[in-house]
Protein backbone atom coordinates (compact mmCIF):
# COMPACT_ATOMS: atom_id res chain seq x y z
CA MET A 1 -33.91 -31.82 -46.52
CA PRO A 2 -31.15 -33.64 -48.50
CA PRO A 3 -30.04 -32.10 -51.79
CA ALA A 4 -31.57 -33.48 -54.97
CA PRO A 5 -29.42 -36.10 -56.67
CA THR A 6 -27.21 -34.76 -59.40
CA PRO A 7 -27.96 -36.39 -62.73
CA SER A 8 -24.99 -38.17 -64.21
CA ALA A 9 -23.42 -36.68 -67.28
CA PRO A 10 -24.91 -37.98 -70.52
CA ALA A 11 -22.86 -40.51 -72.44
CA GLN A 12 -20.76 -38.91 -75.14
CA ARG A 13 -20.95 -39.95 -78.84
CA LEU A 14 -17.56 -41.43 -79.65
CA THR A 15 -16.00 -42.34 -82.99
CA GLY A 16 -13.67 -45.34 -83.29
CA LEU A 17 -10.33 -45.75 -84.98
CA PRO A 18 -9.76 -46.46 -88.68
CA PRO A 19 -9.02 -50.03 -89.73
CA VAL A 20 -5.44 -51.25 -89.84
CA VAL A 21 -5.30 -53.56 -92.86
CA SER A 22 -3.40 -54.19 -96.06
CA ASP A 23 -3.73 -56.34 -99.17
CA ALA A 24 -1.82 -59.02 -97.25
CA THR A 25 -4.15 -59.13 -94.21
CA VAL A 26 -5.00 -62.80 -93.59
CA LEU A 27 -6.61 -62.53 -90.14
CA LEU A 28 -8.61 -59.54 -88.96
CA VAL A 29 -8.94 -59.01 -85.21
CA LEU A 30 -12.19 -57.27 -84.36
CA GLY A 31 -12.52 -55.67 -80.96
CA SER A 32 -15.75 -54.11 -79.78
CA PHE A 33 -14.80 -50.42 -79.47
CA PRO A 34 -11.60 -48.74 -78.23
CA GLY A 35 -11.43 -47.95 -74.55
CA ALA A 36 -10.86 -44.45 -73.24
CA ALA A 37 -7.05 -44.87 -73.10
CA SER A 38 -6.94 -46.12 -76.70
CA LEU A 39 -9.17 -43.32 -77.96
CA ALA A 40 -7.08 -40.70 -76.14
CA ALA A 41 -3.87 -42.11 -77.62
CA ARG A 42 -5.53 -42.82 -81.02
CA GLN A 43 -3.96 -46.29 -80.81
CA TYR A 44 -5.45 -49.76 -80.76
CA TYR A 45 -5.02 -51.51 -77.40
CA GLY A 46 -3.52 -48.42 -75.80
CA HIS A 47 -4.33 -49.34 -72.19
CA PRO A 48 -1.06 -50.52 -70.61
CA GLN A 49 -2.82 -53.40 -68.81
CA ASN A 50 -4.41 -54.82 -71.96
CA HIS A 51 -2.79 -58.14 -72.89
CA PHE A 52 -3.05 -57.67 -76.68
CA TRP A 53 0.51 -56.54 -77.39
CA ARG A 54 1.98 -58.89 -74.80
CA ILE A 55 0.17 -61.86 -76.38
CA LEU A 56 1.50 -61.01 -79.83
CA GLU A 57 5.02 -60.57 -78.42
CA ALA A 58 4.74 -64.12 -77.06
CA ILE A 59 3.36 -65.49 -80.35
CA TRP A 60 6.09 -63.86 -82.47
CA PRO A 61 9.08 -63.82 -80.06
CA SER A 62 11.74 -63.55 -82.78
CA SER A 63 10.70 -59.95 -83.38
CA HIS A 64 9.84 -59.22 -79.75
CA ARG A 65 12.65 -56.80 -78.89
CA GLN A 66 12.05 -54.57 -81.93
CA MET A 67 8.28 -54.43 -81.41
CA VAL A 68 8.49 -53.52 -77.74
CA THR A 69 10.90 -50.66 -78.24
CA ASP A 70 9.46 -49.21 -81.41
CA SER A 71 6.79 -46.59 -81.98
CA TYR A 72 3.10 -47.35 -82.45
CA GLU A 73 3.53 -46.84 -86.19
CA ASN A 74 6.24 -49.51 -86.22
CA ARG A 75 4.03 -51.84 -84.16
CA ILE A 76 1.31 -51.46 -86.78
CA ALA A 77 3.78 -52.18 -89.60
CA TRP A 78 4.93 -55.24 -87.60
CA LEU A 79 1.34 -56.51 -87.38
CA LEU A 80 0.71 -55.96 -91.06
CA ASP A 81 3.97 -57.72 -91.95
CA HIS A 82 2.65 -60.75 -90.04
CA GLY A 83 -0.68 -60.72 -91.92
CA LEU A 84 -2.74 -59.41 -89.00
CA GLY A 85 -5.24 -56.56 -89.25
CA LEU A 86 -7.17 -54.61 -86.60
CA TRP A 87 -10.58 -53.01 -86.42
CA ASP A 88 -13.67 -52.90 -84.24
CA VAL A 89 -17.26 -54.00 -84.72
CA TYR A 90 -18.55 -50.53 -83.82
CA ALA A 91 -17.79 -47.42 -85.83
CA SER A 92 -19.28 -45.20 -83.15
CA CYS A 93 -21.31 -45.41 -79.97
CA GLU A 94 -22.31 -43.61 -76.83
CA ARG A 95 -20.39 -44.69 -73.76
CA GLN A 96 -19.16 -43.44 -70.42
CA GLY A 97 -15.91 -45.08 -69.36
CA SER A 98 -14.40 -48.04 -71.19
CA LEU A 99 -16.59 -51.03 -70.38
CA ASP A 100 -18.42 -52.82 -73.17
CA THR A 101 -21.49 -53.02 -70.94
CA ALA A 102 -21.72 -49.21 -71.11
CA ILE A 103 -21.96 -49.12 -74.94
CA ARG A 104 -25.24 -47.64 -76.15
CA HIS A 105 -26.64 -46.70 -79.56
CA ALA A 106 -23.76 -48.31 -81.45
CA GLU A 107 -23.28 -48.06 -85.20
CA VAL A 108 -21.77 -51.21 -86.72
CA ASN A 109 -18.85 -50.94 -89.15
CA ASP A 110 -19.19 -52.04 -92.79
CA PHE A 111 -17.41 -55.42 -92.74
CA ALA A 112 -18.14 -56.23 -96.40
CA ALA A 113 -16.50 -53.02 -97.61
CA LEU A 114 -13.43 -53.74 -95.51
CA ALA A 115 -13.23 -57.36 -96.70
CA ALA A 116 -13.18 -56.09 -100.29
CA ARG A 117 -9.98 -54.18 -99.40
CA CYS A 118 -8.37 -57.39 -98.07
CA PRO A 119 -8.11 -60.00 -100.86
CA ALA A 120 -6.00 -62.36 -98.71
CA LEU A 121 -8.48 -62.34 -95.79
CA ARG A 122 -9.13 -65.87 -94.50
CA GLY A 123 -10.41 -65.27 -90.98
CA ILE A 124 -12.04 -62.96 -88.47
CA ALA A 125 -11.02 -63.21 -84.81
CA HIS A 126 -13.49 -61.59 -82.45
CA ASN A 127 -11.62 -60.24 -79.43
CA GLY A 128 -14.16 -60.89 -76.67
CA GLY A 129 -17.85 -61.49 -76.22
CA GLU A 130 -19.19 -58.08 -77.24
CA SER A 131 -17.39 -58.31 -80.56
CA TYR A 132 -18.53 -61.91 -81.04
CA LYS A 133 -22.19 -60.82 -80.82
CA HIS A 134 -21.65 -59.76 -84.44
CA ALA A 135 -20.27 -63.09 -85.65
CA ARG A 136 -23.43 -63.72 -87.68
CA HIS A 137 -22.57 -60.61 -89.72
CA THR A 138 -18.90 -61.44 -90.18
CA ALA A 139 -19.77 -65.05 -91.11
CA THR A 140 -21.49 -63.71 -94.24
CA LEU A 141 -18.03 -62.76 -95.56
CA GLY A 142 -17.30 -66.44 -96.22
CA VAL A 143 -14.20 -66.65 -94.03
CA ALA A 144 -13.55 -68.54 -90.80
CA VAL A 145 -14.90 -66.79 -87.71
CA HIS A 146 -13.32 -67.29 -84.29
CA ARG A 147 -14.25 -66.23 -80.78
CA LEU A 148 -11.19 -65.33 -78.75
CA PRO A 149 -11.02 -64.38 -75.08
CA SER A 150 -10.88 -60.66 -74.57
CA THR A 151 -7.42 -59.24 -74.00
CA SER A 152 -8.97 -56.52 -71.83
CA PRO A 153 -7.88 -56.17 -68.21
CA ALA A 154 -11.61 -56.47 -67.38
CA ASN A 155 -11.41 -60.14 -68.47
CA ALA A 156 -9.78 -61.38 -65.28
CA SER A 157 -11.46 -64.81 -65.47
CA TRP A 158 -8.90 -65.93 -68.08
CA SER A 159 -5.24 -66.12 -67.13
CA PHE A 160 -2.65 -64.69 -69.49
CA GLU A 161 -1.54 -68.25 -70.33
CA ARG A 162 -5.08 -69.35 -71.31
CA LYS A 163 -5.54 -66.24 -73.45
CA LEU A 164 -2.19 -66.82 -75.13
CA ALA A 165 -2.99 -70.47 -75.93
CA ALA A 166 -6.31 -69.54 -77.55
CA TRP A 167 -4.79 -66.70 -79.58
CA ARG A 168 -1.85 -68.89 -80.63
CA ARG A 169 -4.22 -71.63 -81.94
CA VAL A 170 -6.08 -69.18 -84.17
CA CYS A 171 -2.87 -67.62 -85.49
CA GLU A 172 -1.53 -71.12 -86.27
CA GLN A 173 -4.75 -72.06 -88.08
CA HIS A 174 -4.23 -69.13 -90.43
CA GLY A 175 -0.51 -69.68 -91.01
CA LEU A 176 0.63 -66.62 -89.08
CA ILE A 177 3.07 -68.66 -86.99
């Protein structure tokens, strides 16, 4: 008689990262929820294969060398200096692994409270489809809302060049280039 199947481990309740914003944040990038590598490092877009940092290096090449070699804290200061902020649509969720499709029982962040902390905010850029599912909520903030292709390595259907072009257009629209 074969052994009984072993039940898979239950999904763990995870808590996201705090927002990265300032009074000068013009465009807020909203991901869905940090992947396992990002949560472990306590850094946004911490997976080495994620295109996020590489895209921004291409958008702002004049400061490329400094950003690549500096610490995460300096990368965050670099983003804020350019008017970009970071956060996620989910404050917490249950998930095994890093895929958005595995997110369960998610708690949505308070976008209105964050927007009140960002008087210069003019746009929300949803990084991928899972984040964009909440565009109806972010649209209530009265700022432009954009759907951008996910920078995740799981989004292999978009080439780096296509992702870069889409991200560049949104940054240009908000005067970040």
